[in-house]
């Protein structure tokens, strides 16, 4: 019992130090572009964290998360421009519309799985892109939709202030997912992931739990999409690129599918990796693919799980050596 308590205290101390470090980050980063990259890391951290909830914990192999993120950004921007609402209210609009669209696509799509679910969600992804191109008078088409930036008391917020906004959203997202994973819903999701037939035989309705989680993850991703649109002051059809899907999946795989912190670590690695190799525009997707392959070869469960395994091995060796010294 003492050992468990000590481990819990160490884990709590680690989380406290991590939170304090994130809160103090703007004090040490004076470069505006580095701060921009940190903000984008947090944005993608929210998206992949929620994608991981459905993919890693729920076993729903779909590619709709990026398009739901885009729905949140576009609908927020449209409402801000057409109805003159505040970008802050646009966050809620983006989340609601992403959730509604996810419900529409989820009702038929989540009745199938495997390659059929991937194909259905890709068709949805492509369909949303075609709609944005078709209604270019509203969405801006290939030119993109210009969206007003966040303001407070009539003054546009600076990047370090917006960092705290997206950091708060990331914290809420992680906390919500943590609560879901530890709840009956999370246990049901993991049972469905392992065997939906067995889960169904125990009284769990796989379809209901999948749809519930899918909609919840879409809402948070939609809010992140609305933030993305107002933060960059524009959202365009490049958001639908297949490269972006691969990058987001890479964040989950590299960090660790089915872990809470893994996707955020993956988002940091991929975001800064893409920036380091920004001069190799045509080769970046190949390089990201190579990194994903290397991780799958040497750390198939992701960096978080691999780190945990190595830590446990190191502790067991240290314990063994101390026992030998005592003898």
C-alpha atoms as a PDB file:
ATOM      1  CA  UNK A   1       0.000   0.000   0.000  1.00  0.00           C
ATOM      2  CA  UNK A   2       2.898   2.315   0.856  1.00  0.00           C
ATOM      3  CA  UNK A   3       4.478   1.638  -2.530  1.00  0.00           C
ATOM      4  CA  UNK A   4       1.233   2.562  -4.313  1.00  0.00           C
ATOM      5  CA  UNK A   5       0.946   5.752  -2.271  1.00  0.00           C
ATOM      6  CA  UNK A   6       4.541   6.731  -3.085  1.00  0.00           C
ATOM      7  CA  UNK A   7       3.943   6.121  -6.782  1.00  0.00           C
ATOM      8  CA  UNK A   8       0.782   8.218  -6.662  1.00  0.00           C
ATOM      9  CA  UNK A   9       2.640  11.041  -4.930  1.00  0.00           C
ATOM     10  CA  UNK A  10       5.406  10.974  -7.525  1.00  0.00           C
ATOM     11  CA  UNK A  11       2.851  10.979 -10.331  1.00  0.00           C
ATOM     12  CA  UNK A  12       0.976  13.871  -8.727  1.00  0.00           C
ATOM     13  CA  UNK A  13       4.232  15.808  -8.320  1.00  0.00           C
ATOM     14  CA  UNK A  14       5.048  15.169 -11.987  1.00  0.00           C
ATOM     15  CA  UNK A  15       1.642  16.510 -13.098  1.00  0.00           C
ATOM     16  CA  UNK A  16       1.959  19.580 -10.860  1.00  0.00           C
ATOM     17  CA  UNK A  17       5.416  20.373 -12.274  1.00  0.00           C
ATOM     18  CA  UNK A  18       4.126  19.843 -15.825  1.00  0.00           C
ATOM     19  CA  UNK A  19       1.185  22.207 -15.283  1.00  0.00           C
ATOM     20  CA  UNK A  20       3.397  24.870 -13.682  1.00  0.00           C
ATOM     21  CA  UNK A  21       5.884  24.578 -16.552  1.00  0.00           C
ATOM     22  CA  UNK A  22       3.125  25.020 -19.139  1.00  0.00           C
ATOM     23  CA  UNK A  23       1.722  28.027 -17.287  1.00  0.00           C
ATOM     24  CA  UNK A  24       5.152  29.647 -17.100  1.00  0.00           C
ATOM     25  CA  UNK A  25       6.067  28.924 -20.734  1.00  0.00           C
ATOM     26  CA  UNK A  26       5.266  32.431 -22.137  1.00  0.00           C
ATOM     27  CA  UNK A  27       7.741  33.910 -19.644  1.00  0.00           C
ATOM     28  CA  UNK A  28      10.596  32.051 -21.343  1.00  0.00           C
ATOM     29  CA  UNK A  29       9.497  32.104 -24.995  1.00  0.00           C
ATOM     30  CA  UNK A  30      10.034  35.579 -26.425  1.00  0.00           C
ATOM     31  CA  UNK A  31      10.091  34.541 -30.084  1.00  0.00           C
ATOM     32  CA  UNK A  32       6.627  35.100 -31.618  1.00  0.00           C
ATOM     33  CA  UNK A  33       6.973  32.285 -34.135  1.00  0.00           C
ATOM     34  CA  UNK A  34       8.025  29.734 -31.516  1.00  0.00           C
ATOM     35  CA  UNK A  35       4.979  30.769 -29.494  1.00  0.00           C
ATOM     36  CA  UNK A  36       2.856  30.244 -32.621  1.00  0.00           C
ATOM     37  CA  UNK A  37       4.233  26.704 -32.943  1.00  0.00           C
ATOM     38  CA  UNK A  38       3.462  26.017 -29.285  1.00  0.00           C
ATOM     39  CA  UNK A  39      -0.122  27.220 -29.800  1.00  0.00           C
ATOM     40  CA  UNK A  40      -0.487  24.988 -32.872  1.00  0.00           C
ATOM     41  CA  UNK A  41       0.909  22.086 -30.850  1.00  0.00           C
ATOM     42  CA  UNK A  42      -1.872  22.642 -28.309  1.00  0.00           C
ATOM     43  CA  UNK A  43      -4.520  22.905 -31.057  1.00  0.00           C
ATOM     44  CA  UNK A  44      -3.489  19.591 -32.581  1.00  0.00           C
ATOM     45  CA  UNK A  45      -3.105  18.175 -29.099  1.00  0.00           C
ATOM     46  CA  UNK A  46      -6.831  18.777 -28.517  1.00  0.00           C
ATOM     47  CA  UNK A  47      -7.784  17.229 -31.875  1.00  0.00           C
ATOM     48  CA  UNK A  48      -5.664  14.087 -31.615  1.00  0.00           C
ATOM     49  CA  UNK A  49      -6.461  13.648 -27.931  1.00  0.00           C
ATOM     50  CA  UNK A  50     -10.131  13.337 -28.841  1.00  0.00           C
ATOM     51  CA  UNK A  51      -9.424  11.277 -31.941  1.00  0.00           C
ATOM     52  CA  UNK A  52      -7.465   8.942 -29.673  1.00  0.00           C
ATOM     53  CA  UNK A  53     -10.516   8.612 -27.402  1.00  0.00           C
ATOM     54  CA  UNK A  54     -12.520   7.092 -30.253  1.00  0.00           C
ATOM     55  CA  UNK A  55      -9.615   5.375 -32.008  1.00  0.00           C
ATOM     56  CA  UNK A  56      -7.319   4.205 -29.210  1.00  0.00           C
ATOM     57  CA  UNK A  57      -9.881   3.535 -26.484  1.00  0.00           C
ATOM     58  CA  UNK A  58     -12.982   2.842 -28.573  1.00  0.00           C
ATOM     59  CA  UNK A  59     -11.401   0.960 -31.455  1.00  0.00           C
ATOM     60  CA  UNK A  60     -13.267   3.085 -34.047  1.00  0.00           C
ATOM     61  CA  UNK A  61     -10.896   3.250 -37.016  1.00  0.00           C
ATOM     62  CA  UNK A  62     -12.223   6.348 -38.733  1.00  0.00           C
ATOM     63  CA  UNK A  63     -10.716   9.452 -40.364  1.00  0.00           C
ATOM     64  CA  UNK A  64     -13.549  11.904 -39.691  1.00  0.00           C
ATOM     65  CA  UNK A  65     -11.859  13.859 -36.895  1.00  0.00           C
ATOM     66  CA  UNK A  66     -10.067  16.340 -39.170  1.00  0.00           C
ATOM     67  CA  UNK A  67     -13.252  17.070 -41.138  1.00  0.00           C
ATOM     68  CA  UNK A  68     -15.194  17.589 -37.886  1.00  0.00           C
ATOM     69  CA  UNK A  69     -12.422  19.941 -36.760  1.00  0.00           C
ATOM     70  CA  UNK A  70     -12.878  21.783 -40.086  1.00  0.00           C
ATOM     71  CA  UNK A  71     -16.676  21.893 -39.642  1.00  0.00           C
ATOM     72  CA  UNK A  72     -16.165  23.649 -36.301  1.00  0.00           C
ATOM     73  CA  UNK A  73     -13.829  26.197 -37.879  1.00  0.00           C
ATOM     74  CA  UNK A  74     -15.980  26.917 -40.919  1.00  0.00           C
ATOM     75  CA  UNK A  75     -19.318  27.126 -39.097  1.00  0.00           C
ATOM     76  CA  UNK A  76     -17.836  29.368 -36.426  1.00  0.00           C
ATOM     77  CA  UNK A  77     -16.385  31.655 -39.122  1.00  0.00           C
ATOM     78  CA  UNK A  78     -19.652  31.747 -41.088  1.00  0.00           C
ATOM     79  CA  UNK A  79     -21.707  32.657 -38.016  1.00  0.00           C
ATOM     80  CA  UNK A  80     -19.185  35.319 -36.960  1.00  0.00           C
ATOM     81  CA  UNK A  81     -19.216  36.888 -40.441  1.00  0.00           C
ATOM     82  CA  UNK A  82     -22.907  36.532 -41.270  1.00  0.00           C
ATOM     83  CA  UNK A  83     -24.539  37.073 -37.859  1.00  0.00           C
ATOM     84  CA  UNK A  84     -21.787  39.287 -36.381  1.00  0.00           C
ATOM     85  CA  UNK A  85     -21.448  37.154 -33.259  1.00  0.00           C
ATOM     86  CA  UNK A  86     -18.340  37.258 -31.072  1.00  0.00           C
ATOM     87  CA  UNK A  87     -15.493  34.803 -31.837  1.00  0.00           C
ATOM     88  CA  UNK A  88     -15.846  33.688 -28.215  1.00  0.00           C
ATOM     89  CA  UNK A  89     -19.416  32.607 -28.918  1.00  0.00           C
ATOM     90  CA  UNK A  90     -18.082  31.125 -32.156  1.00  0.00           C
ATOM     91  CA  UNK A  91     -16.223  28.524 -30.053  1.00  0.00           C
ATOM     92  CA  UNK A  92     -19.555  27.170 -28.827  1.00  0.00           C
ATOM     93  CA  UNK A  93     -21.075  27.360 -32.328  1.00  0.00           C
ATOM     94  CA  UNK A  94     -18.160  25.366 -33.749  1.00  0.00           C
ATOM     95  CA  UNK A  95     -18.527  22.679 -31.093  1.00  0.00           C
ATOM     96  CA  UNK A  96     -22.315  22.374 -31.512  1.00  0.00           C
ATOM     97  CA  UNK A  97     -22.198  22.083 -35.308  1.00  0.00           C
ATOM     98  CA  UNK A  98     -19.345  19.578 -35.207  1.00  0.00           C
ATOM     99  CA  UNK A  99     -21.359  17.483 -32.735  1.00  0.00           C
ATOM    100  CA  UNK A 100     -24.513  17.695 -34.891  1.00  0.00           C
ATOM    101  CA  UNK A 101     -22.620  16.695 -38.037  1.00  0.00           C
ATOM    102  CA  UNK A 102     -20.902  13.845 -36.178  1.00  0.00           C
ATOM    103  CA  UNK A 103     -24.314  12.604 -35.070  1.00  0.00           C
ATOM    104  CA  UNK A 104     -25.558  12.630 -38.680  1.00  0.00           C
ATOM    105  CA  UNK A 105     -22.526  10.748 -39.988  1.00  0.00           C
ATOM    106  CA  UNK A 106     -22.218   8.538 -36.900  1.00  0.00           C
ATOM    107  CA  UNK A 107     -25.771   7.169 -36.996  1.00  0.00           C
ATOM    108  CA  UNK A 108     -25.116   5.117 -40.165  1.00  0.00           C
ATOM    109  CA  UNK A 109     -21.304   4.893 -40.125  1.00  0.00           C
ATOM    110  CA  UNK A 110     -20.832   3.445 -36.637  1.00  0.00           C
ATOM    111  CA  UNK A 111     -22.994   0.448 -37.500  1.00  0.00           C
ATOM    112  CA  UNK A 112     -20.054  -0.857 -39.529  1.00  0.00           C
ATOM    113  CA  UNK A 113     -16.378  -1.218 -38.683  1.00  0.00           C
ATOM    114  CA  UNK A 114     -12.976  -1.863 -40.218  1.00  0.00           C
ATOM    115  CA  UNK A 115     -12.394  -0.858 -43.808  1.00  0.00           C
ATOM    116  CA  UNK A 116     -16.085   0.025 -44.259  1.00  0.00           C
ATOM    117  CA  UNK A 117     -15.935   2.631 -41.508  1.00  0.00           C
ATOM    118  CA  UNK A 118     -12.735   4.086 -42.969  1.00  0.00           C
ATOM    119  CA  UNK A 119     -14.316   4.330 -46.429  1.00  0.00           C
ATOM    120  CA  UNK A 120     -17.531   5.891 -45.108  1.00  0.00           C
ATOM    121  CA  UNK A 121     -15.709   8.522 -43.072  1.00  0.00           C
ATOM    122  CA  UNK A 122     -13.352   9.275 -45.974  1.00  0.00           C
ATOM    123  CA  UNK A 123     -16.397   9.801 -48.225  1.00  0.00           C
ATOM    124  CA  UNK A 124     -17.751  12.170 -45.561  1.00  0.00           C
ATOM    125  CA  UNK A 125     -14.395  13.964 -45.397  1.00  0.00           C
ATOM    126  CA  UNK A 126     -14.305  14.383 -49.169  1.00  0.00           C
ATOM    127  CA  UNK A 127     -17.977  15.460 -49.226  1.00  0.00           C
ATOM    128  CA  UNK A 128     -17.380  18.248 -46.701  1.00  0.00           C
ATOM    129  CA  UNK A 129     -14.456  19.486 -48.811  1.00  0.00           C
ATOM    130  CA  UNK A 130     -16.657  19.518 -51.933  1.00  0.00           C
ATOM    131  CA  UNK A 131     -19.344  21.494 -50.085  1.00  0.00           C
ATOM    132  CA  UNK A 132     -16.837  24.165 -49.064  1.00  0.00           C
ATOM    133  CA  UNK A 133     -15.714  24.430 -52.691  1.00  0.00           C
ATOM    134  CA  UNK A 134     -19.295  24.551 -54.015  1.00  0.00           C
ATOM    135  CA  UNK A 135     -20.578  27.234 -51.605  1.00  0.00           C
ATOM    136  CA  UNK A 136     -17.557  29.473 -52.130  1.00  0.00           C
ATOM    137  CA  UNK A 137     -19.654  32.643 -51.703  1.00  0.00           C
ATOM    138  CA  UNK A 138     -20.058  31.685 -48.040  1.00  0.00           C
ATOM    139  CA  UNK A 139     -16.948  29.601 -47.346  1.00  0.00           C
ATOM    140  CA  UNK A 140     -14.460  31.491 -49.507  1.00  0.00           C
ATOM    141  CA  UNK A 141     -13.693  28.351 -51.527  1.00  0.00           C
ATOM    142  CA  UNK A 142     -10.022  27.832 -52.346  1.00  0.00           C
ATOM    143  CA  UNK A 143      -9.255  31.407 -51.238  1.00  0.00           C
ATOM    144  CA  UNK A 144     -10.265  30.584 -47.682  1.00  0.00           C
ATOM    145  CA  UNK A 145     -12.688  32.130 -45.212  1.00  0.00           C
ATOM    146  CA  UNK A 146     -11.451  35.224 -43.379  1.00  0.00           C
ATOM    147  CA  UNK A 147     -12.418  35.133 -39.703  1.00  0.00           C
ATOM    148  CA  UNK A 148     -12.059  37.974 -37.135  1.00  0.00           C
ATOM    149  CA  UNK A 149      -9.514  37.422 -34.362  1.00  0.00           C
ATOM    150  CA  UNK A 150     -10.339  37.131 -30.680  1.00  0.00           C
ATOM    151  CA  UNK A 151     -10.788  40.439 -28.910  1.00  0.00           C
ATOM    152  CA  UNK A 152     -11.267  41.584 -25.359  1.00  0.00           C
ATOM    153  CA  UNK A 153     -12.526  45.108 -24.610  1.00  0.00           C
ATOM    154  CA  UNK A 154     -12.136  45.844 -28.325  1.00  0.00           C
ATOM    155  CA  UNK A 155      -8.437  44.948 -28.372  1.00  0.00           C
ATOM    156  CA  UNK A 156      -7.114  41.944 -30.321  1.00  0.00           C
ATOM    157  CA  UNK A 157      -5.459  39.424 -28.021  1.00  0.00           C
ATOM    158  CA  UNK A 158      -1.764  38.721 -28.396  1.00  0.00           C
ATOM    159  CA  UNK A 159      -0.367  35.233 -28.953  1.00  0.00           C
ATOM    160  CA  UNK A 160       0.736  34.711 -25.358  1.00  0.00           C
ATOM    161  CA  UNK A 161      -2.814  35.474 -24.204  1.00  0.00           C
ATOM    162  CA  UNK A 162      -4.303  33.124 -26.800  1.00  0.00           C
ATOM    163  CA  UNK A 163      -1.859  30.468 -25.616  1.00  0.00           C
ATOM    164  CA  UNK A 164      -3.626  30.404 -22.253  1.00  0.00           C
ATOM    165  CA  UNK A 165      -7.005  30.077 -24.013  1.00  0.00           C
ATOM    166  CA  UNK A 166      -5.963  26.993 -26.000  1.00  0.00           C
ATOM    167  CA  UNK A 167      -4.042  25.619 -22.999  1.00  0.00           C
ATOM    168  CA  UNK A 168      -7.273  25.810 -20.970  1.00  0.00           C
ATOM    169  CA  UNK A 169      -9.143  23.994 -23.751  1.00  0.00           C
ATOM    170  CA  UNK A 170      -6.421  21.330 -23.869  1.00  0.00           C
ATOM    171  CA  UNK A 171      -6.582  20.902 -20.087  1.00  0.00           C
ATOM    172  CA  UNK A 172     -10.387  20.551 -20.174  1.00  0.00           C
ATOM    173  CA  UNK A 173     -10.105  18.060 -23.047  1.00  0.00           C
ATOM    174  CA  UNK A 174      -7.565  15.897 -21.210  1.00  0.00           C
ATOM    175  CA  UNK A 175      -9.566  16.077 -17.969  1.00  0.00           C
ATOM    176  CA  UNK A 176     -12.795  15.081 -19.735  1.00  0.00           C
ATOM    177  CA  UNK A 177     -11.088  12.169 -21.467  1.00  0.00           C
ATOM    178  CA  UNK A 178      -9.475  11.089 -18.206  1.00  0.00           C
ATOM    179  CA  UNK A 179     -12.889  11.082 -16.516  1.00  0.00           C
ATOM    180  CA  UNK A 180     -14.433   9.146 -19.417  1.00  0.00           C
ATOM    181  CA  UNK A 181     -11.653   6.544 -19.468  1.00  0.00           C
ATOM    182  CA  UNK A 182     -11.939   5.955 -15.710  1.00  0.00           C
ATOM    183  CA  UNK A 183     -15.735   5.796 -15.782  1.00  0.00           C
ATOM    184  CA  UNK A 184     -18.092   3.002 -16.774  1.00  0.00           C
ATOM    185  CA  UNK A 185     -18.205   4.520 -20.270  1.00  0.00           C
ATOM    186  CA  UNK A 186     -14.436   4.107 -20.646  1.00  0.00           C
ATOM    187  CA  UNK A 187     -14.506   0.513 -19.406  1.00  0.00           C
ATOM    188  CA  UNK A 188     -17.359  -0.215 -21.817  1.00  0.00           C
ATOM    189  CA  UNK A 189     -15.411   1.394 -24.687  1.00  0.00           C
ATOM    190  CA  UNK A 190     -12.327  -0.707 -24.021  1.00  0.00           C
ATOM    191  CA  UNK A 191     -14.468  -3.841 -23.769  1.00  0.00           C
ATOM    192  CA  UNK A 192     -16.024  -2.970 -27.141  1.00  0.00           C
ATOM    193  CA  UNK A 193     -12.567  -2.334 -28.602  1.00  0.00           C
ATOM    194  CA  UNK A 194     -11.344  -5.742 -27.466  1.00  0.00           C
ATOM    195  CA  UNK A 195     -14.491  -7.621 -28.559  1.00  0.00           C
ATOM    196  CA  UNK A 196     -17.817  -5.975 -29.317  1.00  0.00           C
ATOM    197  CA  UNK A 197     -19.524  -9.416 -29.408  1.00  0.00           C
ATOM    198  CA  UNK A 198     -18.331 -10.222 -25.886  1.00  0.00           C
ATOM    199  CA  UNK A 199     -19.223  -6.703 -24.714  1.00  0.00           C
ATOM    200  CA  UNK A 200     -22.717  -7.080 -26.160  1.00  0.00           C
ATOM    201  CA  UNK A 201     -23.172 -10.394 -24.350  1.00  0.00           C
ATOM    202  CA  UNK A 202     -22.512  -8.632 -21.019  1.00  0.00           C
ATOM    203  CA  UNK A 203     -25.279  -6.081 -21.643  1.00  0.00           C
ATOM    204  CA  UNK A 204     -23.172  -3.317 -23.197  1.00  0.00           C
ATOM    205  CA  UNK A 205     -24.681  -1.696 -26.286  1.00  0.00           C
ATOM    206  CA  UNK A 206     -21.623  -1.087 -28.546  1.00  0.00           C
ATOM    207  CA  UNK A 207     -23.477   1.212 -30.940  1.00  0.00           C
ATOM    208  CA  UNK A 208     -24.762   3.493 -28.174  1.00  0.00           C
ATOM    209  CA  UNK A 209     -21.391   3.890 -26.474  1.00  0.00           C
ATOM    210  CA  UNK A 210     -19.558   4.411 -29.773  1.00  0.00           C
ATOM    211  CA  UNK A 211     -22.000   7.085 -30.907  1.00  0.00           C
ATOM    212  CA  UNK A 212     -21.924   8.856 -27.540  1.00  0.00           C
ATOM    213  CA  UNK A 213     -18.125   9.023 -27.535  1.00  0.00           C
ATOM    214  CA  UNK A 214     -17.939   9.970 -31.216  1.00  0.00           C
ATOM    215  CA  UNK A 215     -20.234  12.975 -30.674  1.00  0.00           C
ATOM    216  CA  UNK A 216     -18.451  14.095 -27.508  1.00  0.00           C
ATOM    217  CA  UNK A 217     -15.035  13.950 -29.210  1.00  0.00           C
ATOM    218  CA  UNK A 218     -16.477  15.855 -32.187  1.00  0.00           C
ATOM    219  CA  UNK A 219     -17.778  18.656 -29.964  1.00  0.00           C
ATOM    220  CA  UNK A 220     -14.365  19.320 -28.396  1.00  0.00           C
ATOM    221  CA  UNK A 221     -12.620  19.064 -31.778  1.00  0.00           C
ATOM    222  CA  UNK A 222     -15.176  21.515 -33.201  1.00  0.00           C
ATOM    223  CA  UNK A 223     -14.336  24.015 -30.463  1.00  0.00           C
ATOM    224  CA  UNK A 224     -10.647  23.559 -31.339  1.00  0.00           C
ATOM    225  CA  UNK A 225     -11.524  24.165 -35.013  1.00  0.00           C
ATOM    226  CA  UNK A 226     -13.315  27.399 -34.111  1.00  0.00           C
ATOM    227  CA  UNK A 227     -10.271  28.527 -32.115  1.00  0.00           C
ATOM    228  CA  UNK A 228      -7.986  27.607 -35.035  1.00  0.00           C
ATOM    229  CA  UNK A 229     -10.033  29.702 -37.494  1.00  0.00           C
ATOM    230  CA  UNK A 230     -10.147  32.805 -35.304  1.00  0.00           C
ATOM    231  CA  UNK A 231      -6.539  32.446 -34.174  1.00  0.00           C
ATOM    232  CA  UNK A 232      -5.184  32.294 -37.740  1.00  0.00           C
ATOM    233  CA  UNK A 233      -7.885  34.713 -38.983  1.00  0.00           C
ATOM    234  CA  UNK A 234      -8.521  32.332 -41.897  1.00  0.00           C
ATOM    235  CA  UNK A 235      -9.489  28.749 -42.636  1.00  0.00           C
ATOM    236  CA  UNK A 236      -9.093  27.196 -46.076  1.00  0.00           C
ATOM    237  CA  UNK A 237      -9.532  23.914 -47.920  1.00  0.00           C
ATOM    238  CA  UNK A 238      -5.920  22.901 -47.186  1.00  0.00           C
ATOM    239  CA  UNK A 239      -7.325  21.708 -43.864  1.00  0.00           C
ATOM    240  CA  UNK A 240      -8.766  18.733 -45.784  1.00  0.00           C
ATOM    241  CA  UNK A 241      -5.425  17.581 -47.210  1.00  0.00           C
ATOM    242  CA  UNK A 242      -4.561  13.909 -46.823  1.00  0.00           C
ATOM    243  CA  UNK A 243      -1.143  14.945 -45.501  1.00  0.00           C
ATOM    244  CA  UNK A 244      -2.847  16.525 -42.501  1.00  0.00           C
ATOM    245  CA  UNK A 245      -4.705  13.282 -41.780  1.00  0.00           C
ATOM    246  CA  UNK A 246      -1.426  11.349 -41.903  1.00  0.00           C
ATOM    247  CA  UNK A 247       0.276  13.901 -39.628  1.00  0.00           C
ATOM    248  CA  UNK A 248      -2.552  13.708 -37.067  1.00  0.00           C
ATOM    249  CA  UNK A 249      -2.524   9.906 -37.122  1.00  0.00           C
ATOM    250  CA  UNK A 250       1.247  10.059 -36.752  1.00  0.00           C
ATOM    251  CA  UNK A 251       0.832  12.140 -33.592  1.00  0.00           C
ATOM    252  CA  UNK A 252      -1.331   9.413 -32.067  1.00  0.00           C
ATOM    253  CA  UNK A 253       0.874   6.509 -33.178  1.00  0.00           C
ATOM    254  CA  UNK A 254       4.162   8.150 -32.161  1.00  0.00           C
ATOM    255  CA  UNK A 255       2.925   9.286 -28.751  1.00  0.00           C
ATOM    256  CA  UNK A 256       0.980   6.127 -27.991  1.00  0.00           C
ATOM    257  CA  UNK A 257      -2.499   5.053 -28.989  1.00  0.00           C
ATOM    258  CA  UNK A 258      -4.783   4.472 -26.017  1.00  0.00           C
ATOM    259  CA  UNK A 259      -2.825   6.784 -23.675  1.00  0.00           C
ATOM    260  CA  UNK A 260      -3.828  10.219 -22.390  1.00  0.00           C
ATOM    261  CA  UNK A 261      -0.490  12.007 -22.690  1.00  0.00           C
ATOM    262  CA  UNK A 262       0.828  10.182 -25.766  1.00  0.00           C
ATOM    263  CA  UNK A 263      -1.084  12.149 -28.442  1.00  0.00           C
ATOM    264  CA  UNK A 264       0.059  15.464 -26.924  1.00  0.00           C
ATOM    265  CA  UNK A 265       3.699  14.362 -27.020  1.00  0.00           C
ATOM    266  CA  UNK A 266       3.138  13.219 -30.592  1.00  0.00           C
ATOM    267  CA  UNK A 267       1.624  16.587 -31.528  1.00  0.00           C
ATOM    268  CA  UNK A 268       4.705  18.356 -30.153  1.00  0.00           C
ATOM    269  CA  UNK A 269       7.095  16.080 -32.064  1.00  0.00           C
ATOM    270  CA  UNK A 270       5.265  16.263 -35.405  1.00  0.00           C
ATOM    271  CA  UNK A 271       4.572  20.030 -35.231  1.00  0.00           C
ATOM    272  CA  UNK A 272       8.196  20.919 -34.555  1.00  0.00           C
ATOM    273  CA  UNK A 273       9.505  18.175 -36.861  1.00  0.00           C
ATOM    274  CA  UNK A 274       7.491  19.647 -39.742  1.00  0.00           C
ATOM    275  CA  UNK A 275       8.901  23.083 -38.952  1.00  0.00           C
ATOM    276  CA  UNK A 276      12.522  21.874 -38.777  1.00  0.00           C
ATOM    277  CA  UNK A 277      12.149  20.391 -42.261  1.00  0.00           C
ATOM    278  CA  UNK A 278      10.057  23.261 -43.645  1.00  0.00           C
ATOM    279  CA  UNK A 279      12.647  23.776 -46.385  1.00  0.00           C
ATOM    280  CA  UNK A 280      11.912  20.281 -47.710  1.00  0.00           C
ATOM    281  CA  UNK A 281       8.246  20.923 -48.489  1.00  0.00           C
ATOM    282  CA  UNK A 282       7.893  18.103 -51.047  1.00  0.00           C
ATOM    283  CA  UNK A 283       9.624  15.544 -48.833  1.00  0.00           C
ATOM    284  CA  UNK A 284       8.042  16.271 -45.458  1.00  0.00           C
ATOM    285  CA  UNK A 285       5.250  13.672 -45.839  1.00  0.00           C
ATOM    286  CA  UNK A 286       7.901  11.057 -46.683  1.00  0.00           C
ATOM    287  CA  UNK A 287       9.955  12.047 -43.639  1.00  0.00           C
ATOM    288  CA  UNK A 288       6.904  11.891 -41.352  1.00  0.00           C
ATOM    289  CA  UNK A 289       6.078   8.473 -42.792  1.00  0.00           C
ATOM    290  CA  UNK A 290       9.650   7.337 -42.089  1.00  0.00           C
ATOM    291  CA  UNK A 291       9.398   8.519 -38.463  1.00  0.00           C
ATOM    292  CA  UNK A 292       6.099   6.668 -38.023  1.00  0.00           C
ATOM    293  CA  UNK A 293       7.632   3.462 -39.458  1.00  0.00           C
ATOM    294  CA  UNK A 294      10.661   3.759 -37.139  1.00  0.00           C
ATOM    295  CA  UNK A 295       8.410   4.211 -34.100  1.00  0.00           C
ATOM    296  CA  UNK A 296       6.288   1.229 -35.136  1.00  0.00           C
ATOM    297  CA  UNK A 297       9.442  -0.879 -35.481  1.00  0.00           C
ATOM    298  CA  UNK A 298      11.202   0.108 -32.260  1.00  0.00           C
ATOM    299  CA  UNK A 299       8.322   1.331 -30.058  1.00  0.00           C
ATOM    300  CA  UNK A 300       5.139  -0.267 -31.480  1.00  0.00           C
ATOM    301  CA  UNK A 301       3.028   0.870 -28.515  1.00  0.00           C
ATOM    302  CA  UNK A 302       4.234   4.479 -28.784  1.00  0.00           C
ATOM    303  CA  UNK A 303       6.814   6.511 -26.894  1.00  0.00           C
ATOM    304  CA  UNK A 304       4.783   6.750 -23.679  1.00  0.00           C
ATOM    305  CA  UNK A 305       4.346   2.979 -23.361  1.00  0.00           C
ATOM    306  CA  UNK A 306       7.941   2.352 -24.386  1.00  0.00           C
ATOM    307  CA  UNK A 307       9.124   4.861 -21.780  1.00  0.00           C
ATOM    308  CA  UNK A 308       7.017   3.150 -19.110  1.00  0.00           C
ATOM    309  CA  UNK A 309       8.459  -0.256 -20.038  1.00  0.00           C
ATOM    310  CA  UNK A 310      12.029   1.015 -19.876  1.00  0.00           C
ATOM    311  CA  UNK A 311      11.342   2.736 -16.535  1.00  0.00           C
ATOM    312  CA  UNK A 312       9.922  -0.478 -15.056  1.00  0.00           C
ATOM    313  CA  UNK A 313      12.928  -2.435 -16.337  1.00  0.00           C
ATOM    314  CA  UNK A 314      15.310   0.123 -14.857  1.00  0.00           C
ATOM    315  CA  UNK A 315      13.521  -0.005 -11.488  1.00  0.00           C
ATOM    316  CA  UNK A 316      13.538  -3.801 -11.424  1.00  0.00           C
ATOM    317  CA  UNK A 317      17.285  -3.853 -12.174  1.00  0.00           C
ATOM    318  CA  UNK A 318      17.940  -1.277  -9.461  1.00  0.00           C
ATOM    319  CA  UNK A 319      15.886  -3.308  -6.980  1.00  0.00           C
ATOM    320  CA  UNK A 320      17.735  -6.482  -7.935  1.00  0.00           C
ATOM    321  CA  UNK A 321      21.135  -4.813  -7.455  1.00  0.00           C
ATOM    322  CA  UNK A 322      20.147  -3.407  -4.058  1.00  0.00           C
ATOM    323  CA  UNK A 323      18.979  -6.862  -2.944  1.00  0.00           C
ATOM    324  CA  UNK A 324      22.284  -8.365  -4.080  1.00  0.00           C
ATOM    325  CA  UNK A 325      24.216  -5.713  -2.111  1.00  0.00           C
ATOM    326  CA  UNK A 326      22.159  -6.433   1.002  1.00  0.00           C
ATOM    327  CA  UNK A 327      22.978 -10.147   0.688  1.00  0.00           C
END
